[in-house]
């Protein structure tokens, strides 16, 4: 059943052309397929797609997260490409210089051009 099927995240965007450029050039992802309404990117052995809709950027939660080996190095690279990391001070989630740490996990969130919330995270051995 679904346990053997690859999962593909789908990200809504309002301007597909600008989103493709951002994800390809700023985030460094490989664009592998595109139509007038959809773009598919490959990363980490998997794929995700984005599609054009007037509802892009309306979700207030994380839509996609990349598991990375070195969060600090990824953040440095992304900051060099213009990515700004979010700061949070919520019950159960507080960031310092964009990074939240909790129970062996370190994570940082940023938004794409539409305001979609994206994450990079690193799991550390306990």
PDB file of N, CA and C in Angstrom:
ATOM      1  N   UNK A   1       0.830  -1.185   0.000  1.00  0.00           N
ATOM      2  CA  UNK A   1       0.000   0.000   0.000  1.00  0.00           C
ATOM      3  C   UNK A   1       0.879   1.256   0.000  1.00  0.00           C
ATOM      4  N   UNK A   2       0.445   2.276   0.693  1.00  0.00           N
ATOM      5  CA  UNK A   2       1.143   3.557   0.631  1.00  0.00           C
ATOM      6  C   UNK A   2       2.539   3.515   1.248  1.00  0.00           C
ATOM      7  N   UNK A   3       2.799   2.558   2.117  1.00  0.00           N
ATOM      8  CA  UNK A   3       4.112   2.460   2.732  1.00  0.00           C
ATOM      9  C   UNK A   3       5.234   2.235   1.732  1.00  0.00           C
ATOM     10  N   UNK A   4       4.927   1.737   0.567  1.00  0.00           N
ATOM     11  CA  UNK A   4       5.934   1.508  -0.468  1.00  0.00           C
ATOM     12  C   UNK A   4       5.949   2.593  -1.536  1.00  0.00           C
ATOM     13  N   UNK A   5       5.038   3.539  -1.453  1.00  0.00           N
ATOM     14  CA  UNK A   5       4.934   4.586  -2.474  1.00  0.00           C
ATOM     15  C   UNK A   5       5.706   5.833  -2.042  1.00  0.00           C
ATOM     16  N   UNK A   6       6.488   6.443  -2.933  1.00  0.00           N
ATOM     17  CA  UNK A   6       7.179   7.687  -2.587  1.00  0.00           C
ATOM     18  C   UNK A   6       6.176   8.797  -2.272  1.00  0.00           C
ATOM     19  N   UNK A   7       6.518   9.626  -1.311  1.00  0.00           N
ATOM     20  CA  UNK A   7       5.689  10.767  -0.935  1.00  0.00           C
ATOM     21  C   UNK A   7       6.250  12.013  -1.602  1.00  0.00           C
ATOM     22  N   UNK A   8       5.394  12.830  -2.162  1.00  0.00           N
ATOM     23  CA  UNK A   8       5.806  14.048  -2.842  1.00  0.00           C
ATOM     24  C   UNK A   8       5.078  15.231  -2.216  1.00  0.00           C
ATOM     25  N   UNK A   9       5.844  16.149  -1.623  1.00  0.00           N
ATOM     26  CA  UNK A   9       5.245  17.367  -1.101  1.00  0.00           C
ATOM     27  C   UNK A   9       4.769  18.222  -2.275  1.00  0.00           C
ATOM     28  N   UNK A  10       3.718  18.999  -2.070  1.00  0.00           N
ATOM     29  CA  UNK A  10       3.181  19.887  -3.093  1.00  0.00           C
ATOM     30  C   UNK A  10       3.062  21.273  -2.471  1.00  0.00           C
ATOM     31  N   UNK A  11       3.728  22.247  -3.072  1.00  0.00           N
ATOM     32  CA  UNK A  11       3.795  23.599  -2.518  1.00  0.00           C
ATOM     33  C   UNK A  11       3.019  24.553  -3.421  1.00  0.00           C
ATOM     34  N   UNK A  12       2.046  25.273  -2.863  1.00  0.00           N
ATOM     35  CA  UNK A  12       1.274  26.231  -3.664  1.00  0.00           C
ATOM     36  C   UNK A  12       2.017  27.563  -3.802  1.00  0.00           C
ATOM     37  N   UNK A  13       2.030  28.113  -5.006  1.00  0.00           N
ATOM     38  CA  UNK A  13       2.692  29.399  -5.249  1.00  0.00           C
ATOM     39  C   UNK A  13       1.791  30.269  -6.126  1.00  0.00           C
ATOM     40  N   UNK A  14       1.928  31.569  -5.984  1.00  0.00           N
ATOM     41  CA  UNK A  14       1.100  32.471  -6.784  1.00  0.00           C
ATOM     42  C   UNK A  14       1.735  32.804  -8.129  1.00  0.00           C
ATOM     43  N   UNK A  15       3.072  32.823  -8.195  1.00  0.00           N
ATOM     44  CA  UNK A  15       3.775  33.135  -9.434  1.00  0.00           C
ATOM     45  C   UNK A  15       4.763  32.007  -9.701  1.00  0.00           C
ATOM     46  N   UNK A  16       4.391  31.103 -10.591  1.00  0.00           N
ATOM     47  CA  UNK A  16       5.201  29.913 -10.847  1.00  0.00           C
ATOM     48  C   UNK A  16       6.580  30.270 -11.392  1.00  0.00           C
ATOM     49  N   UNK A  17       6.663  31.259 -12.254  1.00  0.00           N
ATOM     50  CA  UNK A  17       7.951  31.651 -12.822  1.00  0.00           C
ATOM     51  C   UNK A  17       8.923  32.142 -11.763  1.00  0.00           C
ATOM     52  N   UNK A  18       8.463  33.036 -10.895  1.00  0.00           N
ATOM     53  CA  UNK A  18       9.320  33.541  -9.822  1.00  0.00           C
ATOM     54  C   UNK A  18       9.682  32.434  -8.839  1.00  0.00           C
ATOM     55  N   UNK A  19       8.731  31.571  -8.539  1.00  0.00           N
ATOM     56  CA  UNK A  19       8.989  30.473  -7.601  1.00  0.00           C
ATOM     57  C   UNK A  19      10.040  29.520  -8.163  1.00  0.00           C
ATOM     58  N   UNK A  20       9.937  29.187  -9.448  1.00  0.00           N
ATOM     59  CA  UNK A  20      10.932  28.299 -10.067  1.00  0.00           C
ATOM     60  C   UNK A  20      12.326  28.910  -9.953  1.00  0.00           C
ATOM     61  N   UNK A  21      12.437  30.190 -10.234  1.00  0.00           N
ATOM     62  CA  UNK A  21      13.730  30.859 -10.143  1.00  0.00           C
ATOM     63  C   UNK A  21      14.257  30.828  -8.713  1.00  0.00           C
ATOM     64  N   UNK A  22      13.407  31.113  -7.744  1.00  0.00           N
ATOM     65  CA  UNK A  22      13.820  31.116  -6.334  1.00  0.00           C
ATOM     66  C   UNK A  22      14.304  29.734  -5.899  1.00  0.00           C
ATOM     67  N   UNK A  23      13.510  28.712  -6.159  1.00  0.00           N
ATOM     68  CA  UNK A  23      13.861  27.363  -5.710  1.00  0.00           C
ATOM     69  C   UNK A  23      15.105  26.844  -6.449  1.00  0.00           C
ATOM     70  N   UNK A  24      15.255  27.200  -7.709  1.00  0.00           N
ATOM     71  CA  UNK A  24      16.417  26.747  -8.480  1.00  0.00           C
ATOM     72  C   UNK A  24      17.663  27.555  -8.118  1.00  0.00           C
ATOM     73  N   UNK A  25      17.571  28.879  -8.205  1.00  0.00           N
ATOM     74  CA  UNK A  25      18.762  29.719  -8.056  1.00  0.00           C
ATOM     75  C   UNK A  25      19.108  30.038  -6.608  1.00  0.00           C
ATOM     76  N   UNK A  26      18.116  30.335  -5.784  1.00  0.00           N
ATOM     77  CA  UNK A  26      18.399  30.684  -4.394  1.00  0.00           C
ATOM     78  C   UNK A  26      18.610  29.440  -3.534  1.00  0.00           C
ATOM     79  N   UNK A  27      17.744  28.453  -3.675  1.00  0.00           N
ATOM     80  CA  UNK A  27      17.858  27.249  -2.852  1.00  0.00           C
ATOM     81  C   UNK A  27      18.753  26.187  -3.480  1.00  0.00           C
ATOM     82  N   UNK A  28      19.089  26.340  -4.757  1.00  0.00           N
ATOM     83  CA  UNK A  28      20.017  25.428  -5.416  1.00  0.00           C
ATOM     84  C   UNK A  28      19.439  24.073  -5.776  1.00  0.00           C
ATOM     85  N   UNK A  29      18.138  24.012  -6.038  1.00  0.00           N
ATOM     86  CA  UNK A  29      17.482  22.742  -6.331  1.00  0.00           C
ATOM     87  C   UNK A  29      17.401  22.496  -7.836  1.00  0.00           C
ATOM     88  N   UNK A  30      17.315  21.230  -8.200  1.00  0.00           N
ATOM     89  CA  UNK A  30      17.282  20.837  -9.604  1.00  0.00           C
ATOM     90  C   UNK A  30      15.840  20.777 -10.121  1.00  0.00           C
ATOM     91  N   UNK A  31      15.541  21.599 -11.105  1.00  0.00           N
ATOM     92  CA  UNK A  31      14.241  21.576 -11.775  1.00  0.00           C
ATOM     93  C   UNK A  31      14.264  20.442 -12.790  1.00  0.00           C
ATOM     94  N   UNK A  32      13.366  19.452 -12.627  1.00  0.00           N
ATOM     95  CA  UNK A  32      13.413  18.270 -13.490  1.00  0.00           C
ATOM     96  C   UNK A  32      12.236  18.160 -14.454  1.00  0.00           C
ATOM     97  N   UNK A  33      11.176  18.909 -14.198  1.00  0.00           N
ATOM     98  CA  UNK A  33      10.012  18.848 -15.087  1.00  0.00           C
ATOM     99  C   UNK A  33       9.183  20.107 -14.876  1.00  0.00           C
ATOM    100  N   UNK A  34       8.598  20.605 -15.948  1.00  0.00           N
ATOM    101  CA  UNK A  34       7.728  21.766 -15.794  1.00  0.00           C
ATOM    102  C   UNK A  34       6.676  21.803 -16.889  1.00  0.00           C
ATOM    103  N   UNK A  35       5.534  22.346 -16.514  1.00  0.00           N
ATOM    104  CA  UNK A  35       4.453  22.636 -17.448  1.00  0.00           C
ATOM    105  C   UNK A  35       4.037  24.075 -17.166  1.00  0.00           C
ATOM    106  N   UNK A  36       3.008  24.532 -17.822  1.00  0.00           N
ATOM    107  CA  UNK A  36       2.522  25.894 -17.585  1.00  0.00           C
ATOM    108  C   UNK A  36       1.953  26.061 -16.176  1.00  0.00           C
ATOM    109  N   UNK A  37       1.554  24.969 -15.550  1.00  0.00           N
ATOM    110  CA  UNK A  37       0.892  25.041 -14.235  1.00  0.00           C
ATOM    111  C   UNK A  37       1.660  24.400 -13.089  1.00  0.00           C
ATOM    112  N   UNK A  38       2.746  23.673 -13.390  1.00  0.00           N
ATOM    113  CA  UNK A  38       3.434  22.915 -12.343  1.00  0.00           C
ATOM    114  C   UNK A  38       4.925  22.838 -12.630  1.00  0.00           C
ATOM    115  N   UNK A  39       5.714  22.744 -11.558  1.00  0.00           N
ATOM    116  CA  UNK A  39       7.155  22.510 -11.662  1.00  0.00           C
ATOM    117  C   UNK A  39       7.528  21.426 -10.661  1.00  0.00           C
ATOM    118  N   UNK A  40       8.442  20.555 -11.058  1.00  0.00           N
ATOM    119  CA  UNK A  40       8.889  19.469 -10.193  1.00  0.00           C
ATOM    120  C   UNK A  40      10.386  19.625  -9.972  1.00  0.00           C
ATOM    121  N   UNK A  41      10.799  19.541  -8.712  1.00  0.00           N
ATOM    122  CA  UNK A  41      12.199  19.652  -8.330  1.00  0.00           C
ATOM    123  C   UNK A  41      12.662  18.352  -7.695  1.00  0.00           C
ATOM    124  N   UNK A  42      13.934  18.029  -7.909  1.00  0.00           N
ATOM    125  CA  UNK A  42      14.538  16.847  -7.294  1.00  0.00           C
ATOM    126  C   UNK A  42      15.532  17.313  -6.243  1.00  0.00           C
ATOM    127  N   UNK A  43      15.503  16.652  -5.103  1.00  0.00           N
ATOM    128  CA  UNK A  43      16.494  16.907  -4.065  1.00  0.00           C
ATOM    129  C   UNK A  43      16.547  15.701  -3.131  1.00  0.00           C
ATOM    130  N   UNK A  44      17.745  15.336  -2.729  1.00  0.00           N
ATOM    131  CA  UNK A  44      17.914  14.258  -1.759  1.00  0.00           C
ATOM    132  C   UNK A  44      17.350  12.921  -2.175  1.00  0.00           C
ATOM    133  N   UNK A  45      17.287  12.641  -3.459  1.00  0.00           N
ATOM    134  CA  UNK A  45      16.748  11.375  -3.932  1.00  0.00           C
ATOM    135  C   UNK A  45      15.239  11.362  -4.085  1.00  0.00           C
ATOM    136  N   UNK A  46      14.580  12.432  -3.711  1.00  0.00           N
ATOM    137  CA  UNK A  46      13.128  12.524  -3.855  1.00  0.00           C
ATOM    138  C   UNK A  46      12.744  13.710  -4.711  1.00  0.00           C
ATOM    139  N   UNK A  47      11.456  13.929  -4.825  1.00  0.00           N
ATOM    140  CA  UNK A  47      10.947  15.046  -5.610  1.00  0.00           C
ATOM    141  C   UNK A  47       9.824  15.749  -4.860  1.00  0.00           C
ATOM    142  N   UNK A  48       9.617  17.005  -5.197  1.00  0.00           N
ATOM    143  CA  UNK A  48       8.430  17.725  -4.750  1.00  0.00           C
ATOM    144  C   UNK A  48       7.977  18.594  -5.899  1.00  0.00           C
ATOM    145  N   UNK A  49       6.715  18.980  -5.852  1.00  0.00           N
ATOM    146  CA  UNK A  49       6.190  19.815  -6.926  1.00  0.00           C
ATOM    147  C   UNK A  49       5.614  21.098  -6.358  1.00  0.00           C
ATOM    148  N   UNK A  50       5.420  22.041  -7.247  1.00  0.00           N
ATOM    149  CA  UNK A  50       4.722  23.274  -6.894  1.00  0.00           C
ATOM    150  C   UNK A  50       3.744  23.569  -8.010  1.00  0.00           C
ATOM    151  N   UNK A  51       2.665  24.205  -7.651  1.00  0.00           N
ATOM    152  CA  UNK A  51       1.664  24.543  -8.648  1.00  0.00           C
ATOM    153  C   UNK A  51       1.158  25.951  -8.407  1.00  0.00           C
ATOM    154  N   UNK A  52       0.681  26.550  -9.473  1.00  0.00           N
ATOM    155  CA  UNK A  52       0.188  27.930  -9.405  1.00  0.00           C
ATOM    156  C   UNK A  52      -1.246  27.945  -8.886  1.00  0.00           C
ATOM    157  N   UNK A  53      -1.474  28.815  -7.906  1.00  0.00           N
ATOM    158  CA  UNK A  53      -2.796  28.990  -7.319  1.00  0.00           C
ATOM    159  C   UNK A  53      -2.853  30.358  -6.638  1.00  0.00           C
ATOM    160  N   UNK A  54      -4.008  30.977  -6.584  1.00  0.00           N
ATOM    161  CA  UNK A  54      -4.106  32.251  -5.855  1.00  0.00           C
ATOM    162  C   UNK A  54      -3.969  32.060  -4.346  1.00  0.00           C
ATOM    163  N   UNK A  55      -3.926  30.827  -3.878  1.00  0.00           N
ATOM    164  CA  UNK A  55      -3.866  30.544  -2.441  1.00  0.00           C
ATOM    165  C   UNK A  55      -2.454  30.264  -1.947  1.00  0.00           C
ATOM    166  N   UNK A  56      -1.434  30.464  -2.776  1.00  0.00           N
ATOM    167  CA  UNK A  56      -0.050  30.249  -2.355  1.00  0.00           C
ATOM    168  C   UNK A  56       0.302  31.110  -1.162  1.00  0.00           C
ATOM    169  N   UNK A  57       1.060  30.541  -0.246  1.00  0.00           N
ATOM    170  CA  UNK A  57       1.549  31.289   0.909  1.00  0.00           C
ATOM    171  C   UNK A  57       0.559  31.481   2.027  1.00  0.00           C
ATOM    172  N   UNK A  58      -0.597  30.861   1.983  1.00  0.00           N
ATOM    173  CA  UNK A  58      -1.608  31.093   3.016  1.00  0.00           C
ATOM    174  C   UNK A  58      -1.529  30.135   4.200  1.00  0.00           C
ATOM    175  N   UNK A  59      -0.734  29.082   4.083  1.00  0.00           N
ATOM    176  CA  UNK A  59      -0.580  28.152   5.201  1.00  0.00           C
ATOM    177  C   UNK A  59       0.380  28.772   6.215  1.00  0.00           C
ATOM    178  N   UNK A  60       0.041  28.725   7.466  1.00  0.00           N
ATOM    179  CA  UNK A  60       0.889  29.299   8.502  1.00  0.00           C
ATOM    180  C   UNK A  60       1.822  28.290   9.139  1.00  0.00           C
ATOM    181  N   UNK A  61       1.902  27.110   8.571  1.00  0.00           N
ATOM    182  CA  UNK A  61       2.723  26.045   9.155  1.00  0.00           C
ATOM    183  C   UNK A  61       3.792  25.602   8.152  1.00  0.00           C
ATOM    184  N   UNK A  62       4.714  24.785   8.610  1.00  0.00           N
ATOM    185  CA  UNK A  62       5.787  24.281   7.762  1.00  0.00           C
ATOM    186  C   UNK A  62       5.226  23.383   6.673  1.00  0.00           C
ATOM    187  N   UNK A  63       5.589  23.666   5.424  1.00  0.00           N
ATOM    188  CA  UNK A  63       5.129  22.858   4.296  1.00  0.00           C
ATOM    189  C   UNK A  63       6.142  21.818   3.858  1.00  0.00           C
ATOM    190  N   UNK A  64       7.418  22.098   4.076  1.00  0.00           N
ATOM    191  CA  UNK A  64       8.464  21.150   3.675  1.00  0.00           C
ATOM    192  C   UNK A  64       9.674  21.370   4.569  1.00  0.00           C
ATOM    193  N   UNK A  65      10.424  20.295   4.799  1.00  0.00           N
ATOM    194  CA  UNK A  65      11.618  20.373   5.636  1.00  0.00           C
ATOM    195  C   UNK A  65      12.710  19.499   5.039  1.00  0.00           C
ATOM    196  N   UNK A  66      13.895  20.054   4.966  1.00  0.00           N
ATOM    197  CA  UNK A  66      15.049  19.309   4.478  1.00  0.00           C
ATOM    198  C   UNK A  66      15.870  18.839   5.666  1.00  0.00           C
ATOM    199  N   UNK A  67      16.205  17.551   5.695  1.00  0.00           N
ATOM    200  CA  UNK A  67      17.077  16.997   6.719  1.00  0.00           C
ATOM    201  C   UNK A  67      18.510  17.169   6.231  1.00  0.00           C
ATOM    202  N   UNK A  68      19.310  17.904   6.981  1.00  0.00           N
ATOM    203  CA  UNK A  68      20.682  18.204   6.574  1.00  0.00           C
ATOM    204  C   UNK A  68      21.667  17.667   7.604  1.00  0.00           C
ATOM    205  N   UNK A  69      22.901  17.439   7.165  1.00  0.00           N
ATOM    206  CA  UNK A  69      23.932  16.912   8.052  1.00  0.00           C
ATOM    207  C   UNK A  69      24.559  18.011   8.905  1.00  0.00           C
ATOM    208  N   UNK A  70      24.610  19.237   8.384  1.00  0.00           N
ATOM    209  CA  UNK A  70      25.263  20.343   9.089  1.00  0.00           C
ATOM    210  C   UNK A  70      24.404  21.592   8.935  1.00  0.00           C
ATOM    211  N   UNK A  71      23.558  21.829   9.911  1.00  0.00           N
ATOM    212  CA  UNK A  71      22.623  22.953   9.855  1.00  0.00           C
ATOM    213  C   UNK A  71      23.353  24.284   9.735  1.00  0.00           C
ATOM    214  N   UNK A  72      24.419  24.467  10.510  1.00  0.00           N
ATOM    215  CA  UNK A  72      25.126  25.749  10.475  1.00  0.00           C
ATOM    216  C   UNK A  72      25.689  26.042   9.082  1.00  0.00           C
ATOM    217  N   UNK A  73      26.264  25.035   8.441  1.00  0.00           N
ATOM    218  CA  UNK A  73      26.816  25.226   7.096  1.00  0.00           C
ATOM    219  C   UNK A  73      25.700  25.535   6.095  1.00  0.00           C
ATOM    220  N   UNK A  74      24.581  24.834   6.194  1.00  0.00           N
ATOM    221  CA  UNK A  74      23.452  25.097   5.285  1.00  0.00           C
ATOM    222  C   UNK A  74      22.922  26.508   5.475  1.00  0.00           C
ATOM    223  N   UNK A  75      22.798  26.940   6.736  1.00  0.00           N
ATOM    224  CA  UNK A  75      22.293  28.285   6.997  1.00  0.00           C
ATOM    225  C   UNK A  75      23.247  29.346   6.460  1.00  0.00           C
ATOM    226  N   UNK A  76      24.538  29.117   6.617  1.00  0.00           N
ATOM    227  CA  UNK A  76      25.521  30.069   6.098  1.00  0.00           C
ATOM    228  C   UNK A  76      25.394  30.183   4.586  1.00  0.00           C
ATOM    229  N   UNK A  77      25.293  29.046   3.904  1.00  0.00           N
ATOM    230  CA  UNK A  77      25.146  29.043   2.441  1.00  0.00           C
ATOM    231  C   UNK A  77      23.856  29.746   2.027  1.00  0.00           C
ATOM    232  N   UNK A  78      22.749  29.415   2.681  1.00  0.00           N
ATOM    233  CA  UNK A  78      21.468  30.019   2.325  1.00  0.00           C
ATOM    234  C   UNK A  78      21.444  31.512   2.627  1.00  0.00           C
ATOM    235  N   UNK A  79      22.003  31.911   3.745  1.00  0.00           N
ATOM    236  CA  UNK A  79      22.074  33.347   4.054  1.00  0.00           C
ATOM    237  C   UNK A  79      22.879  34.077   2.984  1.00  0.00           C
ATOM    238  N   UNK A  80      23.941  33.451   2.498  1.00  0.00           N
ATOM    239  CA  UNK A  80      24.745  34.042   1.435  1.00  0.00           C
ATOM    240  C   UNK A  80      23.970  34.211   0.139  1.00  0.00           C
ATOM    241  N   UNK A  81      22.895  33.456  -0.008  1.00  0.00           N
ATOM    242  CA  UNK A  81      22.037  33.545  -1.192  1.00  0.00           C
ATOM    243  C   UNK A  81      20.814  34.427  -0.941  1.00  0.00           C
ATOM    244  N   UNK A  82      20.767  35.084   0.231  1.00  0.00           N
ATOM    245  CA  UNK A  82      19.694  36.020   0.528  1.00  0.00           C
ATOM    246  C   UNK A  82      18.557  35.486   1.371  1.00  0.00           C
ATOM    247  N   UNK A  83      18.637  34.245   1.831  1.00  0.00           N
ATOM    248  CA  UNK A  83      17.571  33.676   2.665  1.00  0.00           C
ATOM    249  C   UNK A  83      17.645  34.283   4.064  1.00  0.00           C
ATOM    250  N   UNK A  84      16.484  34.670   4.591  1.00  0.00           N
ATOM    251  CA  UNK A  84      16.374  35.227   5.933  1.00  0.00           C
ATOM    252  C   UNK A  84      15.637  34.222   6.797  1.00  0.00           C
ATOM    253  N   UNK A  85      16.230  33.856   7.907  1.00  0.00           N
ATOM    254  CA  UNK A  85      15.616  32.877   8.800  1.00  0.00           C
ATOM    255  C   UNK A  85      14.705  33.565   9.804  1.00  0.00           C
ATOM    256  N   UNK A  86      13.624  32.899  10.117  1.00  0.00           N
ATOM    257  CA  UNK A  86      12.609  33.419  11.023  1.00  0.00           C
ATOM    258  C   UNK A  86      13.071  33.314  12.474  1.00  0.00           C
ATOM    259  N   UNK A  87      12.568  34.203  13.292  1.00  0.00           N
ATOM    260  CA  UNK A  87      12.777  34.133  14.741  1.00  0.00           C
ATOM    261  C   UNK A  87      11.426  33.878  15.386  1.00  0.00           C
ATOM    262  N   UNK A  88      11.381  32.911  16.300  1.00  0.00           N
ATOM    263  CA  UNK A  88      10.145  32.563  16.989  1.00  0.00           C
ATOM    264  C   UNK A  88      10.361  32.615  18.489  1.00  0.00           C
ATOM    265  N   UNK A  89       9.364  33.078  19.193  1.00  0.00           N
ATOM    266  CA  UNK A  89       9.345  33.043  20.654  1.00  0.00           C
ATOM    267  C   UNK A  89       7.929  32.649  21.059  1.00  0.00           C
ATOM    268  N   UNK A  90       7.671  31.355  20.969  1.00  0.00           N
ATOM    269  CA  UNK A  90       6.351  30.788  21.240  1.00  0.00           C
ATOM    270  C   UNK A  90       6.471  29.754  22.353  1.00  0.00           C
ATOM    271  N   UNK A  91       5.367  29.407  22.997  1.00  0.00           N
ATOM    272  CA  UNK A  91       5.441  28.314  23.968  1.00  0.00           C
ATOM    273  C   UNK A  91       5.944  27.037  23.289  1.00  0.00           C
ATOM    274  N   UNK A  92       7.050  26.514  23.774  1.00  0.00           N
ATOM    275  CA  UNK A  92       7.612  25.289  23.215  1.00  0.00           C
ATOM    276  C   UNK A  92       8.514  25.488  22.013  1.00  0.00           C
ATOM    277  N   UNK A  93       8.664  26.725  21.535  1.00  0.00           N
ATOM    278  CA  UNK A  93       9.535  26.980  20.379  1.00  0.00           C
ATOM    279  C   UNK A  93      10.147  28.370  20.487  1.00  0.00           C
ATOM    280  N   UNK A  94      11.447  28.389  20.735  1.00  0.00           N
ATOM    281  CA  UNK A  94      12.170  29.656  20.789  1.00  0.00           C
ATOM    282  C   UNK A  94      13.437  29.497  19.975  1.00  0.00           C
ATOM    283  N   UNK A  95      13.685  30.451  19.095  1.00  0.00           N
ATOM    284  CA  UNK A  95      14.895  30.414  18.283  1.00  0.00           C
ATOM    285  C   UNK A  95      15.918  31.413  18.803  1.00  0.00           C
ATOM    286  N   UNK A  96      17.172  31.106  18.545  1.00  0.00           N
ATOM    287  CA  UNK A  96      18.276  32.012  18.831  1.00  0.00           C
ATOM    288  C   UNK A  96      19.106  32.065  17.561  1.00  0.00           C
ATOM    289  N   UNK A  97      19.236  33.244  16.971  1.00  0.00           N
ATOM    290  CA  UNK A  97      19.896  33.410  15.678  1.00  0.00           C
ATOM    291  C   UNK A  97      19.279  32.485  14.631  1.00  0.00           C
ATOM    292  N   UNK A  98      17.951  32.317  14.701  1.00  0.00           N
ATOM    293  CA  UNK A  98      17.216  31.535  13.723  1.00  0.00           C
ATOM    294  C   UNK A  98      17.124  30.049  14.008  1.00  0.00           C
ATOM    295  N   UNK A  99      17.780  29.568  15.063  1.00  0.00           N
ATOM    296  CA  UNK A  99      17.849  28.132  15.331  1.00  0.00           C
ATOM    297  C   UNK A  99      17.095  27.766  16.608  1.00  0.00           C
ATOM    298  N   UNK A 100      16.257  26.744  16.501  1.00  0.00           N
ATOM    299  CA  UNK A 100      15.600  26.156  17.667  1.00  0.00           C
ATOM    300  C   UNK A 100      16.283  24.818  17.947  1.00  0.00           C
ATOM    301  N   UNK A 101      16.504  24.531  19.209  1.00  0.00           N
ATOM    302  CA  UNK A 101      17.107  23.255  19.604  1.00  0.00           C
ATOM    303  C   UNK A 101      16.201  22.582  20.611  1.00  0.00           C
ATOM    304  N   UNK A 102      15.970  21.276  20.389  1.00  0.00           N
ATOM    305  CA  UNK A 102      15.103  20.536  21.284  1.00  0.00           C
ATOM    306  C   UNK A 102      15.326  19.041  21.108  1.00  0.00           C
ATOM    307  N   UNK A 103      15.676  18.375  22.173  1.00  0.00           N
ATOM    308  CA  UNK A 103      15.722  16.915  22.201  1.00  0.00           C
ATOM    309  C   UNK A 103      16.500  16.301  21.029  1.00  0.00           C
ATOM    310  N   UNK A 104      17.714  16.794  20.793  1.00  0.00           N
ATOM    311  CA  UNK A 104      18.557  16.226  19.745  1.00  0.00           C
ATOM    312  C   UNK A 104      18.293  16.747  18.345  1.00  0.00           C
ATOM    313  N   UNK A 105      17.377  17.691  18.206  1.00  0.00           N
ATOM    314  CA  UNK A 105      17.088  18.257  16.897  1.00  0.00           C
ATOM    315  C   UNK A 105      17.392  19.745  16.911  1.00  0.00           C
ATOM    316  N   UNK A 106      17.968  20.223  15.812  1.00  0.00           N
ATOM    317  CA  UNK A 106      18.176  21.652  15.589  1.00  0.00           C
ATOM    318  C   UNK A 106      17.464  21.993  14.294  1.00  0.00           C
ATOM    319  N   UNK A 107      16.732  23.095  14.285  1.00  0.00           N
ATOM    320  CA  UNK A 107      15.958  23.451  13.101  1.00  0.00           C
ATOM    321  C   UNK A 107      15.919  24.961  12.917  1.00  0.00           C
ATOM    322  N   UNK A 108      15.745  25.357  11.658  1.00  0.00           N
ATOM    323  CA  UNK A 108      15.608  26.768  11.312  1.00  0.00           C
ATOM    324  C   UNK A 108      14.565  26.881  10.201  1.00  0.00           C
ATOM    325  N   UNK A 109      13.754  27.923  10.268  1.00  0.00           N
ATOM    326  CA  UNK A 109      12.666  28.115   9.312  1.00  0.00           C
ATOM    327  C   UNK A 109      12.884  29.388   8.518  1.00  0.00           C
ATOM    328  N   UNK A 110      12.438  29.357   7.273  1.00  0.00           N
ATOM    329  CA  UNK A 110      12.469  30.533   6.414  1.00  0.00           C
ATOM    330  C   UNK A 110      11.240  30.480   5.504  1.00  0.00           C
ATOM    331  N   UNK A 111      10.982  31.582   4.830  1.00  0.00           N
ATOM    332  CA  UNK A 111       9.818  31.660   3.942  1.00  0.00           C
ATOM    333  C   UNK A 111      10.267  31.870   2.508  1.00  0.00           C
ATOM    334  N   UNK A 112       9.517  31.260   1.577  1.00  0.00           N
ATOM    335  CA  UNK A 112       9.794  31.503   0.168  1.00  0.00           C
ATOM    336  C   UNK A 112       9.147  32.822  -0.246  1.00  0.00           C
ATOM    337  N   UNK A 113       9.147  33.125  -1.524  1.00  0.00           N
ATOM    338  CA  UNK A 113       8.620  34.409  -2.000  1.00  0.00           C
ATOM    339  C   UNK A 113       7.145  34.611  -1.697  1.00  0.00           C
ATOM    340  N   UNK A 114       6.374  33.523  -1.580  1.00  0.00           N
ATOM    341  CA  UNK A 114       4.951  33.612  -1.272  1.00  0.00           C
ATOM    342  C   UNK A 114       4.675  33.636   0.223  1.00  0.00           C
ATOM    343  N   UNK A 115       5.674  33.359   1.033  1.00  0.00           N
ATOM    344  CA  UNK A 115       5.474  33.264   2.471  1.00  0.00           C
ATOM    345  C   UNK A 115       5.250  31.835   2.939  1.00  0.00           C
ATOM    346  N   UNK A 116       5.432  30.841   2.049  1.00  0.00           N
ATOM    347  CA  UNK A 116       5.355  29.442   2.467  1.00  0.00           C
ATOM    348  C   UNK A 116       6.493  29.167   3.445  1.00  0.00           C
ATOM    349  N   UNK A 117       6.185  28.515   4.550  1.00  0.00           N
ATOM    350  CA  UNK A 117       7.172  28.236   5.590  1.00  0.00           C
ATOM    351  C   UNK A 117       7.922  26.946   5.244  1.00  0.00           C
ATOM    352  N   UNK A 118       9.248  27.063   5.170  1.00  0.00           N
ATOM    353  CA  UNK A 118      10.127  25.948   4.859  1.00  0.00           C
ATOM    354  C   UNK A 118      11.126  25.786   5.997  1.00  0.00           C
ATOM    355  N   UNK A 119      11.698  24.601   6.123  1.00  0.00           N
ATOM    356  CA  UNK A 119      12.568  24.308   7.270  1.00  0.00           C
ATOM    357  C   UNK A 119      13.805  23.549   6.813  1.00  0.00           C
ATOM    358  N   UNK A 120      14.894  23.768   7.499  1.00  0.00           N
ATOM    359  CA  UNK A 120      16.068  22.899   7.415  1.00  0.00           C
ATOM    360  C   UNK A 120      16.309  22.383   8.821  1.00  0.00           C
ATOM    361  N   UNK A 121      16.594  21.082   8.950  1.00  0.00           N
ATOM    362  CA  UNK A 121      16.793  20.551  10.295  1.00  0.00           C
ATOM    363  C   UNK A 121      17.888  19.514  10.324  1.00  0.00           C
ATOM    364  N   UNK A 122      18.483  19.409  11.476  1.00  0.00           N
ATOM    365  CA  UNK A 122      19.586  18.487  11.720  1.00  0.00           C
ATOM    366  C   UNK A 122      19.247  17.690  12.980  1.00  0.00           C
ATOM    367  N   UNK A 123      19.350  16.389  12.884  1.00  0.00           N
ATOM    368  CA  UNK A 123      19.146  15.542  14.054  1.00  0.00           C
ATOM    369  C   UNK A 123      20.515  15.113  14.571  1.00  0.00           C
ATOM    370  N   UNK A 124      20.705  15.265  15.851  1.00  0.00           N
ATOM    371  CA  UNK A 124      21.978  14.890  16.470  1.00  0.00           C
ATOM    372  C   UNK A 124      21.763  13.660  17.330  1.00  0.00           C
ATOM    373  N   UNK A 125      22.779  12.820  17.369  1.00  0.00           N
ATOM    374  CA  UNK A 125      22.698  11.625  18.224  1.00  0.00           C
ATOM    375  C   UNK A 125      22.637  12.055  19.685  1.00  0.00           C
ATOM    376  N   UNK A 126      21.817  11.368  20.424  1.00  0.00           N
ATOM    377  CA  UNK A 126      21.668  11.715  21.853  1.00  0.00           C
ATOM    378  C   UNK A 126      22.749  11.061  22.674  1.00  0.00           C
TER     379      UNK A 126
END
